[in-house]
Amino acid sequence: MNFAFCRIFRKVDFFILFLFLSVTVASFLFLRTHSSAQAHLLVTSGEKEFIYSLEKNRELEIDGAIGKSVIVIQDGRAFFKNSPCTNKTCVYMGAVSEENDWAACLPNDIFIRID
């Protein structure tokens, strides 16, 4: 009698675990697809803030503390193409594409972030 109870209990456990994992994966995929579709680029320069859609490819010239930085939005990603700073760390940071990814040109006081 105890052996039959253990066998049924194991099947129920596997069913509950499978159900839990299915709901978790479905929720993750739903949130992932919906958050990326509404993502935008927030550009901060000094006390000014600009918001741009990631859906339209464009090249932006943003005035900073020491000159103009060029930011490119292309294929849902954004990156510094050029900046007047001496070390060009912002250019070498690469593209930001995921929510809360960021890049900054500290000498020029420009910060970009995906929201």
PDB file of N, CA and C in Angstrom:
ATOM      1  N   MET A   1       0.820  -1.190   0.000  1.00  0.00           N
ATOM      2  CA  MET A   1       0.000   0.000   0.000  1.00  0.00           C
ATOM      3  C   MET A   1       0.867   1.258   0.000  1.00  0.00           C
ATOM      4  N   ASN A   2       1.903   1.285   0.795  1.00  0.00           N
ATOM      5  CA  ASN A   2       2.779   2.452   0.859  1.00  0.00           C
ATOM      6  C   ASN A   2       3.526   2.665  -0.459  1.00  0.00           C
ATOM      7  N   PHE A   3       3.884   1.552  -1.126  1.00  0.00           N
ATOM      8  CA  PHE A   3       4.607   1.653  -2.387  1.00  0.00           C
ATOM      9  C   PHE A   3       3.752   2.336  -3.458  1.00  0.00           C
ATOM     10  N   ALA A   4       2.482   2.032  -3.542  1.00  0.00           N
ATOM     11  CA  ALA A   4       1.579   2.648  -4.515  1.00  0.00           C
ATOM     12  C   ALA A   4       1.418   4.139  -4.219  1.00  0.00           C
ATOM     13  N   PHE A   5       1.340   4.501  -2.952  1.00  0.00           N
ATOM     14  CA  PHE A   5       1.209   5.909  -2.579  1.00  0.00           C
ATOM     15  C   PHE A   5       2.445   6.705  -3.012  1.00  0.00           C
ATOM     16  N   CYS A   6       3.639   6.146  -2.838  1.00  0.00           N
ATOM     17  CA  CYS A   6       4.868   6.818  -3.236  1.00  0.00           C
ATOM     18  C   CYS A   6       4.929   7.014  -4.742  1.00  0.00           C
ATOM     19  N   ARG A   7       4.475   6.028  -5.513  1.00  0.00           N
ATOM     20  CA  ARG A   7       4.494   6.131  -6.965  1.00  0.00           C
ATOM     21  C   ARG A   7       3.551   7.246  -7.435  1.00  0.00           C
ATOM     22  N   ILE A   8       2.358   7.323  -6.861  1.00  0.00           N
ATOM     23  CA  ILE A   8       1.411   8.381  -7.227  1.00  0.00           C
ATOM     24  C   ILE A   8       1.951   9.740  -6.799  1.00  0.00           C
ATOM     25  N   PHE A   9       2.518   9.817  -5.634  1.00  0.00           N
ATOM     26  CA  PHE A   9       3.063  11.071  -5.126  1.00  0.00           C
ATOM     27  C   PHE A   9       4.177  11.582  -6.044  1.00  0.00           C
ATOM     28  N   ARG A  10       4.986  10.731  -6.558  1.00  0.00           N
ATOM     29  CA  ARG A  10       6.062  11.143  -7.457  1.00  0.00           C
ATOM     30  C   ARG A  10       5.511  11.688  -8.770  1.00  0.00           C
ATOM     31  N   LYS A  11       4.483  11.069  -9.315  1.00  0.00           N
ATOM     32  CA  LYS A  11       3.878  11.567 -10.553  1.00  0.00           C
ATOM     33  C   LYS A  11       3.274  12.949 -10.343  1.00  0.00           C
ATOM     34  N   VAL A  12       2.621  13.129  -9.228  1.00  0.00           N
ATOM     35  CA  VAL A  12       2.038  14.433  -8.913  1.00  0.00           C
ATOM     36  C   VAL A  12       3.146  15.467  -8.742  1.00  0.00           C
ATOM     37  N   ASP A  13       4.227  15.109  -8.075  1.00  0.00           N
ATOM     38  CA  ASP A  13       5.349  16.033  -7.905  1.00  0.00           C
ATOM     39  C   ASP A  13       5.919  16.472  -9.245  1.00  0.00           C
ATOM     40  N   PHE A  14       6.103  15.521 -10.148  1.00  0.00           N
ATOM     41  CA  PHE A  14       6.638  15.861 -11.457  1.00  0.00           C
ATOM     42  C   PHE A  14       5.674  16.745 -12.234  1.00  0.00           C
ATOM     43  N   PHE A  15       4.398  16.499 -12.121  1.00  0.00           N
ATOM     44  CA  PHE A  15       3.400  17.323 -12.800  1.00  0.00           C
ATOM     45  C   PHE A  15       3.425  18.752 -12.265  1.00  0.00           C
ATOM     46  N   ILE A  16       3.488  18.907 -10.950  1.00  0.00           N
ATOM     47  CA  ILE A  16       3.532  20.241 -10.342  1.00  0.00           C
ATOM     48  C   ILE A  16       4.818  20.966 -10.739  1.00  0.00           C
ATOM     49  N   LEU A  17       5.937  20.272 -10.730  1.00  0.00           N
ATOM     50  CA  LEU A  17       7.205  20.874 -11.129  1.00  0.00           C
ATOM     51  C   LEU A  17       7.163  21.305 -12.594  1.00  0.00           C
ATOM     52  N   PHE A  18       6.629  20.451 -13.453  1.00  0.00           N
ATOM     53  CA  PHE A  18       6.510  20.781 -14.874  1.00  0.00           C
ATOM     54  C   PHE A  18       5.604  21.995 -15.066  1.00  0.00           C
ATOM     55  N   LEU A  19       4.492  22.038 -14.365  1.00  0.00           N
ATOM     56  CA  LEU A  19       3.565  23.161 -14.455  1.00  0.00           C
ATOM     57  C   LEU A  19       4.233  24.462 -13.995  1.00  0.00           C
ATOM     58  N   PHE A  20       4.955  24.399 -12.878  1.00  0.00           N
ATOM     59  CA  PHE A  20       5.654  25.567 -12.351  1.00  0.00           C
ATOM     60  C   PHE A  20       6.707  26.080 -13.343  1.00  0.00           C
ATOM     61  N   LEU A  21       7.512  25.185 -13.895  1.00  0.00           N
ATOM     62  CA  LEU A  21       8.544  25.582 -14.847  1.00  0.00           C
ATOM     63  C   LEU A  21       7.934  26.154 -16.130  1.00  0.00           C
ATOM     64  N   SER A  22       6.839  25.583 -16.583  1.00  0.00           N
ATOM     65  CA  SER A  22       6.175  26.084 -17.784  1.00  0.00           C
ATOM     66  C   SER A  22       5.674  27.508 -17.586  1.00  0.00           C
ATOM     67  N   VAL A  23       5.048  27.772 -16.448  1.00  0.00           N
ATOM     68  CA  VAL A  23       4.546  29.113 -16.157  1.00  0.00           C
ATOM     69  C   VAL A  23       5.704  30.095 -16.028  1.00  0.00           C
ATOM     70  N   THR A  24       6.787  29.681 -15.406  1.00  0.00           N
ATOM     71  CA  THR A  24       7.949  30.550 -15.241  1.00  0.00           C
ATOM     72  C   THR A  24       8.560  30.919 -16.589  1.00  0.00           C
ATOM     73  N   VAL A  25       8.763  29.954 -17.456  1.00  0.00           N
ATOM     74  CA  VAL A  25       9.352  30.213 -18.773  1.00  0.00           C
ATOM     75  C   VAL A  25       8.416  31.076 -19.613  1.00  0.00           C
ATOM     76  N   ALA A  26       7.125  30.782 -19.589  1.00  0.00           N
ATOM     77  CA  ALA A  26       6.166  31.573 -20.358  1.00  0.00           C
ATOM     78  C   ALA A  26       6.144  33.025 -19.875  1.00  0.00           C
ATOM     79  N   SER A  27       6.203  33.233 -18.581  1.00  0.00           N
ATOM     80  CA  SER A  27       6.216  34.594 -18.028  1.00  0.00           C
ATOM     81  C   SER A  27       7.476  35.340 -18.436  1.00  0.00           C
ATOM     82  N   PHE A  28       8.617  34.669 -18.359  1.00  0.00           N
ATOM     83  CA  PHE A  28       9.879  35.288 -18.750  1.00  0.00           C
ATOM     84  C   PHE A  28       9.853  35.701 -20.218  1.00  0.00           C
ATOM     85  N   LEU A  29       9.382  34.808 -21.096  1.00  0.00           N
ATOM     86  CA  LEU A  29       9.330  35.122 -22.524  1.00  0.00           C
ATOM     87  C   LEU A  29       8.353  36.259 -22.806  1.00  0.00           C
ATOM     88  N   PHE A  30       7.239  36.274 -22.131  1.00  0.00           N
ATOM     89  CA  PHE A  30       6.255  37.338 -22.317  1.00  0.00           C
ATOM     90  C   PHE A  30       6.839  38.689 -21.915  1.00  0.00           C
ATOM     91  N   LEU A  31       7.449  38.751 -20.749  1.00  0.00           N
ATOM     92  CA  LEU A  31       8.028  40.013 -20.285  1.00  0.00           C
ATOM     93  C   LEU A  31       9.194  40.454 -21.159  1.00  0.00           C
ATOM     94  N   ARG A  32       9.975  39.515 -21.621  1.00  0.00           N
ATOM     95  CA  ARG A  32      11.142  39.819 -22.452  1.00  0.00           C
ATOM     96  C   ARG A  32      10.715  40.438 -23.782  1.00  0.00           C
ATOM     97  N   THR A  33       9.721  39.863 -24.431  1.00  0.00           N
ATOM     98  CA  THR A  33       9.295  40.377 -25.733  1.00  0.00           C
ATOM     99  C   THR A  33       8.565  41.702 -25.599  1.00  0.00           C
ATOM    100  N   HIS A  34       7.794  41.883 -24.553  1.00  0.00           N
ATOM    101  CA  HIS A  34       7.043  43.123 -24.405  1.00  0.00           C
ATOM    102  C   HIS A  34       7.920  44.275 -23.929  1.00  0.00           C
ATOM    103  N   SER A  35       8.913  44.029 -23.102  1.00  0.00           N
ATOM    104  CA  SER A  35       9.763  45.124 -22.626  1.00  0.00           C
ATOM    105  C   SER A  35      10.694  45.615 -23.717  1.00  0.00           C
ATOM    106  N   SER A  36      11.206  44.723 -24.572  1.00  0.00           N
ATOM    107  CA  SER A  36      12.125  45.161 -25.620  1.00  0.00           C
ATOM    108  C   SER A  36      11.398  45.915 -26.722  1.00  0.00           C
ATOM    109  N   ALA A  37      10.106  45.619 -26.946  1.00  0.00           N
ATOM    110  CA  ALA A  37       9.355  46.304 -27.983  1.00  0.00           C
ATOM    111  C   ALA A  37       9.099  47.761 -27.611  1.00  0.00           C
ATOM    112  N   GLN A  38       9.083  48.081 -26.332  1.00  0.00           N
ATOM    113  CA  GLN A  38       8.787  49.430 -25.888  1.00  0.00           C
ATOM    114  C   GLN A  38      10.041  50.178 -25.431  1.00  0.00           C
ATOM    115  N   ALA A  39      11.194  49.615 -25.629  1.00  0.00           N
ATOM    116  CA  ALA A  39      12.428  50.220 -25.133  1.00  0.00           C
ATOM    117  C   ALA A  39      12.747  51.488 -25.908  1.00  0.00           C
ATOM    118  N   HIS A  40      13.388  52.422 -25.216  1.00  0.00           N
ATOM    119  CA  HIS A  40      13.825  53.652 -25.843  1.00  0.00           C
ATOM    120  C   HIS A  40      15.170  54.059 -25.250  1.00  0.00           C
ATOM    121  N   LEU A  41      15.807  55.009 -25.910  1.00  0.00           N
ATOM    122  CA  LEU A  41      17.117  55.487 -25.477  1.00  0.00           C
ATOM    123  C   LEU A  41      16.953  56.807 -24.738  1.00  0.00           C
ATOM    124  N   LEU A  42      17.500  56.865 -23.542  1.00  0.00           N
ATOM    125  CA  LEU A  42      17.525  58.093 -22.753  1.00  0.00           C
ATOM    126  C   LEU A  42      18.932  58.667 -22.849  1.00  0.00           C
ATOM    127  N   VAL A  43      19.046  59.894 -23.328  1.00  0.00           N
ATOM    128  CA  VAL A  43      20.342  60.580 -23.451  1.00  0.00           C
ATOM    129  C   VAL A  43      20.332  61.749 -22.480  1.00  0.00           C
ATOM    130  N   THR A  44      21.324  61.802 -21.603  1.00  0.00           N
ATOM    131  CA  THR A  44      21.451  62.896 -20.647  1.00  0.00           C
ATOM    132  C   THR A  44      22.736  63.653 -20.946  1.00  0.00           C
ATOM    133  N   SER A  45      22.598  64.968 -21.102  1.00  0.00           N
ATOM    134  CA  SER A  45      23.745  65.835 -21.340  1.00  0.00           C
ATOM    135  C   SER A  45      23.629  67.008 -20.378  1.00  0.00           C
ATOM    136  N   GLY A  46      24.475  66.984 -19.350  1.00  0.00           N
ATOM    137  CA  GLY A  46      24.359  68.013 -18.318  1.00  0.00           C
ATOM    138  C   GLY A  46      23.022  67.867 -17.608  1.00  0.00           C
ATOM    139  N   GLU A  47      22.204  68.905 -17.676  1.00  0.00           N
ATOM    140  CA  GLU A  47      20.875  68.843 -17.062  1.00  0.00           C
ATOM    141  C   GLU A  47      19.782  68.578 -18.086  1.00  0.00           C
ATOM    142  N   LYS A  48      20.141  68.412 -19.346  1.00  0.00           N
ATOM    143  CA  LYS A  48      19.163  68.157 -20.411  1.00  0.00           C
ATOM    144  C   LYS A  48      18.987  66.652 -20.606  1.00  0.00           C
ATOM    145  N   GLU A  49      17.753  66.244 -20.895  1.00  0.00           N
ATOM    146  CA  GLU A  49      17.453  64.834 -21.185  1.00  0.00           C
ATOM    147  C   GLU A  49      16.688  64.748 -22.495  1.00  0.00           C
ATOM    148  N   PHE A  50      17.040  63.747 -23.288  1.00  0.00           N
ATOM    149  CA  PHE A  50      16.389  63.509 -24.557  1.00  0.00           C
ATOM    150  C   PHE A  50      15.980  62.043 -24.611  1.00  0.00           C
ATOM    151  N   ILE A  51      14.841  61.758 -25.229  1.00  0.00           N
ATOM    152  CA  ILE A  51      14.368  60.382 -25.375  1.00  0.00           C
ATOM    153  C   ILE A  51      14.185  60.103 -26.859  1.00  0.00           C
ATOM    154  N   TYR A  52      14.750  58.974 -27.311  1.00  0.00           N
ATOM    155  CA  TYR A  52      14.666  58.579 -28.711  1.00  0.00           C
ATOM    156  C   TYR A  52      14.197  57.136 -28.813  1.00  0.00           C
ATOM    157  N   SER A  53      13.413  56.864 -29.836  1.00  0.00           N
ATOM    158  CA  SER A  53      12.968  55.498 -30.102  1.00  0.00           C
ATOM    159  C   SER A  53      14.132  54.692 -30.675  1.00  0.00           C
ATOM    160  N   LEU A  54      14.212  53.436 -30.305  1.00  0.00           N
ATOM    161  CA  LEU A  54      15.244  52.553 -30.859  1.00  0.00           C
ATOM    162  C   LEU A  54      14.804  51.920 -32.174  1.00  0.00           C
ATOM    163  N   GLU A  55      13.571  52.171 -32.572  1.00  0.00           N
ATOM    164  CA  GLU A  55      13.037  51.557 -33.789  1.00  0.00           C
ATOM    165  C   GLU A  55      13.464  52.294 -35.057  1.00  0.00           C
ATOM    166  N   LYS A  56      13.849  53.568 -34.927  1.00  0.00           N
ATOM    167  CA  LYS A  56      14.250  54.360 -36.083  1.00  0.00           C
ATOM    168  C   LYS A  56      15.763  54.574 -36.066  1.00  0.00           C
ATOM    169  N   ASN A  57      16.437  54.152 -37.131  1.00  0.00           N
ATOM    170  CA  ASN A  57      17.883  54.359 -37.249  1.00  0.00           C
ATOM    171  C   ASN A  57      18.167  55.839 -37.475  1.00  0.00           C
ATOM    172  N   ARG A  58      19.144  56.363 -36.727  1.00  0.00           N
ATOM    173  CA  ARG A  58      19.508  57.779 -36.866  1.00  0.00           C
ATOM    174  C   ARG A  58      20.872  58.031 -36.254  1.00  0.00           C
ATOM    175  N   GLU A  59      21.415  59.182 -36.585  1.00  0.00           N
ATOM    176  CA  GLU A  59      22.683  59.629 -36.017  1.00  0.00           C
ATOM    177  C   GLU A  59      22.418  60.952 -35.301  1.00  0.00           C
ATOM    178  N   LEU A  60      22.828  61.025 -34.034  1.00  0.00           N
ATOM    179  CA  LEU A  60      22.548  62.191 -33.205  1.00  0.00           C
ATOM    180  C   LEU A  60      23.844  62.931 -32.887  1.00  0.00           C
ATOM    181  N   GLU A  61      23.794  64.247 -32.909  1.00  0.00           N
ATOM    182  CA  GLU A  61      24.906  65.068 -32.438  1.00  0.00           C
ATOM    183  C   GLU A  61      24.438  65.750 -31.162  1.00  0.00           C
ATOM    184  N   ILE A  62      25.045  65.383 -30.055  1.00  0.00           N
ATOM    185  CA  ILE A  62      24.642  65.898 -28.746  1.00  0.00           C
ATOM    186  C   ILE A  62      25.744  66.817 -28.218  1.00  0.00           C
ATOM    187  N   ASP A  63      25.369  68.036 -27.855  1.00  0.00           N
ATOM    188  CA  ASP A  63      26.320  68.985 -27.266  1.00  0.00           C
ATOM    189  C   ASP A  63      26.621  68.592 -25.831  1.00  0.00           C
ATOM    190  N   GLY A  64      27.901  68.511 -25.514  1.00  0.00           N
ATOM    191  CA  GLY A  64      28.338  68.181 -24.163  1.00  0.00           C
ATOM    192  C   GLY A  64      29.204  69.272 -23.588  1.00  0.00           C
ATOM    193  N   ALA A  65      29.882  68.962 -22.511  1.00  0.00           N
ATOM    194  CA  ALA A  65      30.705  69.940 -21.791  1.00  0.00           C
ATOM    195  C   ALA A  65      31.920  70.394 -22.594  1.00  0.00           C
ATOM    196  N   ILE A  66      32.479  69.509 -23.434  1.00  0.00           N
ATOM    197  CA  ILE A  66      33.689  69.869 -24.180  1.00  0.00           C
ATOM    198  C   ILE A  66      33.506  69.813 -25.697  1.00  0.00           C
ATOM    199  N   GLY A  67      32.287  69.577 -26.158  1.00  0.00           N
ATOM    200  CA  GLY A  67      32.042  69.513 -27.597  1.00  0.00           C
ATOM    201  C   GLY A  67      30.872  68.610 -27.934  1.00  0.00           C
ATOM    202  N   LYS A  68      30.818  68.220 -29.200  1.00  0.00           N
ATOM    203  CA  LYS A  68      29.712  67.381 -29.684  1.00  0.00           C
ATOM    204  C   LYS A  68      30.120  65.920 -29.709  1.00  0.00           C
ATOM    205  N   SER A  69      29.237  65.073 -29.160  1.00  0.00           N
ATOM    206  CA  SER A  69      29.397  63.621 -29.271  1.00  0.00           C
ATOM    207  C   SER A  69      28.406  63.120 -30.309  1.00  0.00           C
ATOM    208  N   VAL A  70      28.822  62.143 -31.095  1.00  0.00           N
ATOM    209  CA  VAL A  70      27.954  61.551 -32.103  1.00  0.00           C
ATOM    210  C   VAL A  70      27.490  60.193 -31.583  1.00  0.00           C
ATOM    211  N   ILE A  71      26.172  60.027 -31.473  1.00  0.00           N
ATOM    212  CA  ILE A  71      25.568  58.784 -31.006  1.00  0.00           C
ATOM    213  C   ILE A  71      24.749  58.219 -32.150  1.00  0.00           C
ATOM    214  N   VAL A  72      24.920  56.942 -32.414  1.00  0.00           N
ATOM    215  CA  VAL A  72      24.209  56.283 -33.503  1.00  0.00           C
ATOM    216  C   VAL A  72      23.194  55.307 -32.912  1.00  0.00           C
ATOM    217  N   ILE A  73      21.962  55.380 -33.433  1.00  0.00           N
ATOM    218  CA  ILE A  73      20.929  54.389 -33.120  1.00  0.00           C
ATOM    219  C   ILE A  73      20.743  53.566 -34.383  1.00  0.00           C
ATOM    220  N   GLN A  74      20.993  52.266 -34.273  1.00  0.00           N
ATOM    221  CA  GLN A  74      20.933  51.397 -35.451  1.00  0.00           C
ATOM    222  C   GLN A  74      20.481  50.007 -35.045  1.00  0.00           C
ATOM    223  N   ASP A  75      19.438  49.519 -35.672  1.00  0.00           N
ATOM    224  CA  ASP A  75      18.922  48.162 -35.460  1.00  0.00           C
ATOM    225  C   ASP A  75      18.625  47.880 -33.989  1.00  0.00           C
ATOM    226  N   GLY A  76      18.020  48.833 -33.294  1.00  0.00           N
ATOM    227  CA  GLY A  76      17.642  48.625 -31.898  1.00  0.00           C
ATOM    228  C   GLY A  76      18.787  48.734 -30.907  1.00  0.00           C
ATOM    229  N   ARG A  77      19.930  49.232 -31.353  1.00  0.00           N
ATOM    230  CA  ARG A  77      21.101  49.407 -30.485  1.00  0.00           C
ATOM    231  C   ARG A  77      21.571  50.846 -30.583  1.00  0.00           C
ATOM    232  N   ALA A  78      22.316  51.293 -29.595  1.00  0.00           N
ATOM    233  CA  ALA A  78      22.862  52.657 -29.619  1.00  0.00           C
ATOM    234  C   ALA A  78      24.324  52.615 -29.170  1.00  0.00           C
ATOM    235  N   PHE A  79      25.137  53.481 -29.766  1.00  0.00           N
ATOM    236  CA  PHE A  79      26.549  53.521 -29.396  1.00  0.00           C
ATOM    237  C   PHE A  79      27.139  54.892 -29.717  1.00  0.00           C
ATOM    238  N   PHE A  80      28.234  55.212 -29.036  1.00  0.00           N
ATOM    239  CA  PHE A  80      28.981  56.424 -29.333  1.00  0.00           C
ATOM    240  C   PHE A  80      29.828  56.170 -30.575  1.00  0.00           C
ATOM    241  N   LYS A  81      29.620  56.959 -31.602  1.00  0.00           N
ATOM    242  CA  LYS A  81      30.428  56.836 -32.820  1.00  0.00           C
ATOM    243  C   LYS A  81      31.694  57.682 -32.699  1.00  0.00           C
ATOM    244  N   ASN A  82      31.552  58.856 -32.081  1.00  0.00           N
ATOM    245  CA  ASN A  82      32.693  59.753 -31.935  1.00  0.00           C
ATOM    246  C   ASN A  82      32.419  60.697 -30.767  1.00  0.00           C
ATOM    247  N   SER A  83      33.492  61.171 -30.158  1.00  0.00           N
ATOM    248  CA  SER A  83      33.366  62.097 -29.045  1.00  0.00           C
ATOM    249  C   SER A  83      34.659  62.911 -28.938  1.00  0.00           C
ATOM    250  N   PRO A  84      34.591  64.139 -28.430  1.00  0.00           N
ATOM    251  CA  PRO A  84      35.777  64.985 -28.368  1.00  0.00           C
ATOM    252  C   PRO A  84      36.738  64.648 -27.219  1.00  0.00           C
ATOM    253  N   CYS A  85      36.411  63.671 -26.413  1.00  0.00           N
ATOM    254  CA  CYS A  85      37.295  63.321 -25.296  1.00  0.00           C
ATOM    255  C   CYS A  85      38.601  62.712 -25.824  1.00  0.00           C
ATOM    256  N   THR A  86      39.630  62.728 -25.006  1.00  0.00           N
ATOM    257  CA  THR A  86      40.955  62.286 -25.471  1.00  0.00           C
ATOM    258  C   THR A  86      41.119  60.770 -25.488  1.00  0.00           C
ATOM    259  N   ASN A  87      40.541  60.062 -24.517  1.00  0.00           N
ATOM    260  CA  ASN A  87      40.793  58.616 -24.439  1.00  0.00           C
ATOM    261  C   ASN A  87      39.788  57.758 -25.204  1.00  0.00           C
ATOM    262  N   LYS A  88      38.657  58.301 -25.610  1.00  0.00           N
ATOM    263  CA  LYS A  88      37.639  57.602 -26.431  1.00  0.00           C
ATOM    264  C   LYS A  88      37.100  56.327 -25.779  1.00  0.00           C
ATOM    265  N   THR A  89      37.087  56.259 -24.465  1.00  0.00           N
ATOM    266  CA  THR A  89      36.552  55.081 -23.766  1.00  0.00           C
ATOM    267  C   THR A  89      35.094  54.856 -24.127  1.00  0.00           C
ATOM    268  N   CYS A  90      34.327  55.924 -24.282  1.00  0.00           N
ATOM    269  CA  CYS A  90      32.908  55.794 -24.620  1.00  0.00           C
ATOM    270  C   CYS A  90      32.715  55.121 -25.978  1.00  0.00           C
ATOM    271  N   VAL A  91      33.590  55.416 -26.924  1.00  0.00           N
ATOM    272  CA  VAL A  91      33.501  54.821 -28.263  1.00  0.00           C
ATOM    273  C   VAL A  91      33.830  53.331 -28.192  1.00  0.00           C
ATOM    274  N   TYR A  92      34.803  52.978 -27.370  1.00  0.00           N
ATOM    275  CA  TYR A  92      35.228  51.577 -27.260  1.00  0.00           C
ATOM    276  C   TYR A  92      34.287  50.728 -26.402  1.00  0.00           C
ATOM    277  N   MET A  93      33.344  51.365 -25.699  1.00  0.00           N
ATOM    278  CA  MET A  93      32.402  50.610 -24.850  1.00  0.00           C
ATOM    279  C   MET A  93      31.489  49.716 -25.677  1.00  0.00           C
ATOM    280  N   GLY A  94      31.264  50.058 -26.915  1.00  0.00           N
ATOM    281  CA  GLY A  94      30.392  49.264 -27.768  1.00  0.00           C
ATOM    282  C   GLY A  94      28.941  49.689 -27.622  1.00  0.00           C
ATOM    283  N   ALA A  95      28.057  48.890 -28.197  1.00  0.00           N
ATOM    284  CA  ALA A  95      26.643  49.240 -28.266  1.00  0.00           C
ATOM    285  C   ALA A  95      25.885  48.791 -27.026  1.00  0.00           C
ATOM    286  N   VAL A  96      24.851  49.554 -26.705  1.00  0.00           N
ATOM    287  CA  VAL A  96      23.909  49.172 -25.659  1.00  0.00           C
ATOM    288  C   VAL A  96      22.616  48.755 -26.352  1.00  0.00           C
ATOM    289  N   SER A  97      22.028  47.660 -25.887  1.00  0.00           N
ATOM    290  CA  SER A  97      20.822  47.175 -26.564  1.00  0.00           C
ATOM    291  C   SER A  97      19.780  46.595 -25.613  1.00  0.00           C
ATOM    292  N   GLU A  98      20.175  46.234 -24.421  1.00  0.00           N
ATOM    293  CA  GLU A  98      19.246  45.638 -23.455  1.00  0.00           C
ATOM    294  C   GLU A  98      18.794  46.677 -22.446  1.00  0.00           C
ATOM    295  N   GLU A  99      17.637  46.452 -21.857  1.00  0.00           N
ATOM    296  CA  GLU A  99      17.120  47.369 -20.851  1.00  0.00           C
ATOM    297  C   GLU A  99      18.127  47.533 -19.713  1.00  0.00           C
ATOM    298  N   ASN A 100      18.345  48.770 -19.305  1.00  0.00           N
ATOM    299  CA  ASN A 100      19.283  49.180 -18.256  1.00  0.00           C
ATOM    300  C   ASN A 100      20.751  49.116 -18.668  1.00  0.00           C
ATOM    301  N   ASP A 101      21.059  48.789 -19.919  1.00  0.00           N
ATOM    302  CA  ASP A 101      22.431  48.919 -20.415  1.00  0.00           C
ATOM    303  C   ASP A 101      22.756  50.409 -20.523  1.00  0.00           C
ATOM    304  N   TRP A 102      24.005  50.769 -20.305  1.00  0.00           N
ATOM    305  CA  TRP A 102      24.372  52.176 -20.388  1.00  0.00           C
ATOM    306  C   TRP A 102      25.794  52.331 -20.896  1.00  0.00           C
ATOM    307  N   ALA A 103      26.061  53.537 -21.357  1.00  0.00           N
ATOM    308  CA  ALA A 103      27.407  53.939 -21.754  1.00  0.00           C
ATOM    309  C   ALA A 103      27.519  55.432 -21.435  1.00  0.00           C
ATOM    310  N   ALA A 104      28.742  55.901 -21.222  1.00  0.00           N
ATOM    311  CA  ALA A 104      28.910  57.296 -20.839  1.00  0.00           C
ATOM    312  C   ALA A 104      30.218  57.856 -21.372  1.00  0.00           C
ATOM    313  N   CYS A 105      30.180  59.144 -21.681  1.00  0.00           N
ATOM    314  CA  CYS A 105      31.380  59.912 -21.969  1.00  0.00           C
ATOM    315  C   CYS A 105      31.513  60.892 -20.812  1.00  0.00           C
ATOM    316  N   LEU A 106      32.301  60.532 -19.825  1.00  0.00           N
ATOM    317  CA  LEU A 106      32.412  61.356 -18.620  1.00  0.00           C
ATOM    318  C   LEU A 106      33.044  62.723 -18.878  1.00  0.00           C
ATOM    319  N   PRO A 107      34.120  62.818 -19.675  1.00  0.00           N
ATOM    320  CA  PRO A 107      34.683  64.159 -19.910  1.00  0.00           C
ATOM    321  C   PRO A 107      33.683  65.098 -20.592  1.00  0.00           C
ATOM    322  N   ASN A 108      32.824  64.552 -21.440  1.00  0.00           N
ATOM    323  CA  ASN A 108      31.853  65.369 -22.160  1.00  0.00           C
ATOM    324  C   ASN A 108      30.510  65.440 -21.437  1.00  0.00           C
ATOM    325  N   ASP A 109      30.372  64.744 -20.316  1.00  0.00           N
ATOM    326  CA  ASP A 109      29.166  64.772 -19.488  1.00  0.00           C
ATOM    327  C   ASP A 109      27.920  64.305 -20.249  1.00  0.00           C
ATOM    328  N   ILE A 110      28.078  63.196 -21.000  1.00  0.00           N
ATOM    329  CA  ILE A 110      26.947  62.610 -21.742  1.00  0.00           C
ATOM    330  C   ILE A 110      26.792  61.162 -21.307  1.00  0.00           C
ATOM    331  N   PHE A 111      25.546  60.787 -21.030  1.00  0.00           N
ATOM    332  CA  PHE A 111      25.210  59.458 -20.524  1.00  0.00           C
ATOM    333  C   PHE A 111      24.058  58.924 -21.358  1.00  0.00           C
ATOM    334  N   ILE A 112      24.163  57.668 -21.846  1.00  0.00           N
ATOM    335  CA  ILE A 112      23.059  57.044 -22.572  1.00  0.00           C
ATOM    336  C   ILE A 112      22.653  55.771 -21.846  1.00  0.00           C
ATOM    337  N   ARG A 113      21.341  55.491 -21.852  1.00  0.00           N
ATOM    338  CA  ARG A 113      20.813  54.311 -21.168  1.00  0.00           C
ATOM    339  C   ARG A 113      19.553  53.828 -21.891  1.00  0.00           C
ATOM    340  N   ILE A 114      19.412  52.522 -21.964  1.00  0.00           N
ATOM    341  CA  ILE A 114      18.199  51.934 -22.529  1.00  0.00           C
ATOM    342  C   ILE A 114      17.165  51.825 -21.424  1.00  0.00           C
ATOM    343  N   ASP A 115      15.989  52.386 -21.648  1.00  0.00           N
ATOM    344  CA  ASP A 115      14.878  52.295 -20.690  1.00  0.00           C
ATOM    345  C   ASP A 115      13.774  51.458 -21.271  1.00  0.00           C
TER     346      ASP A 115
END
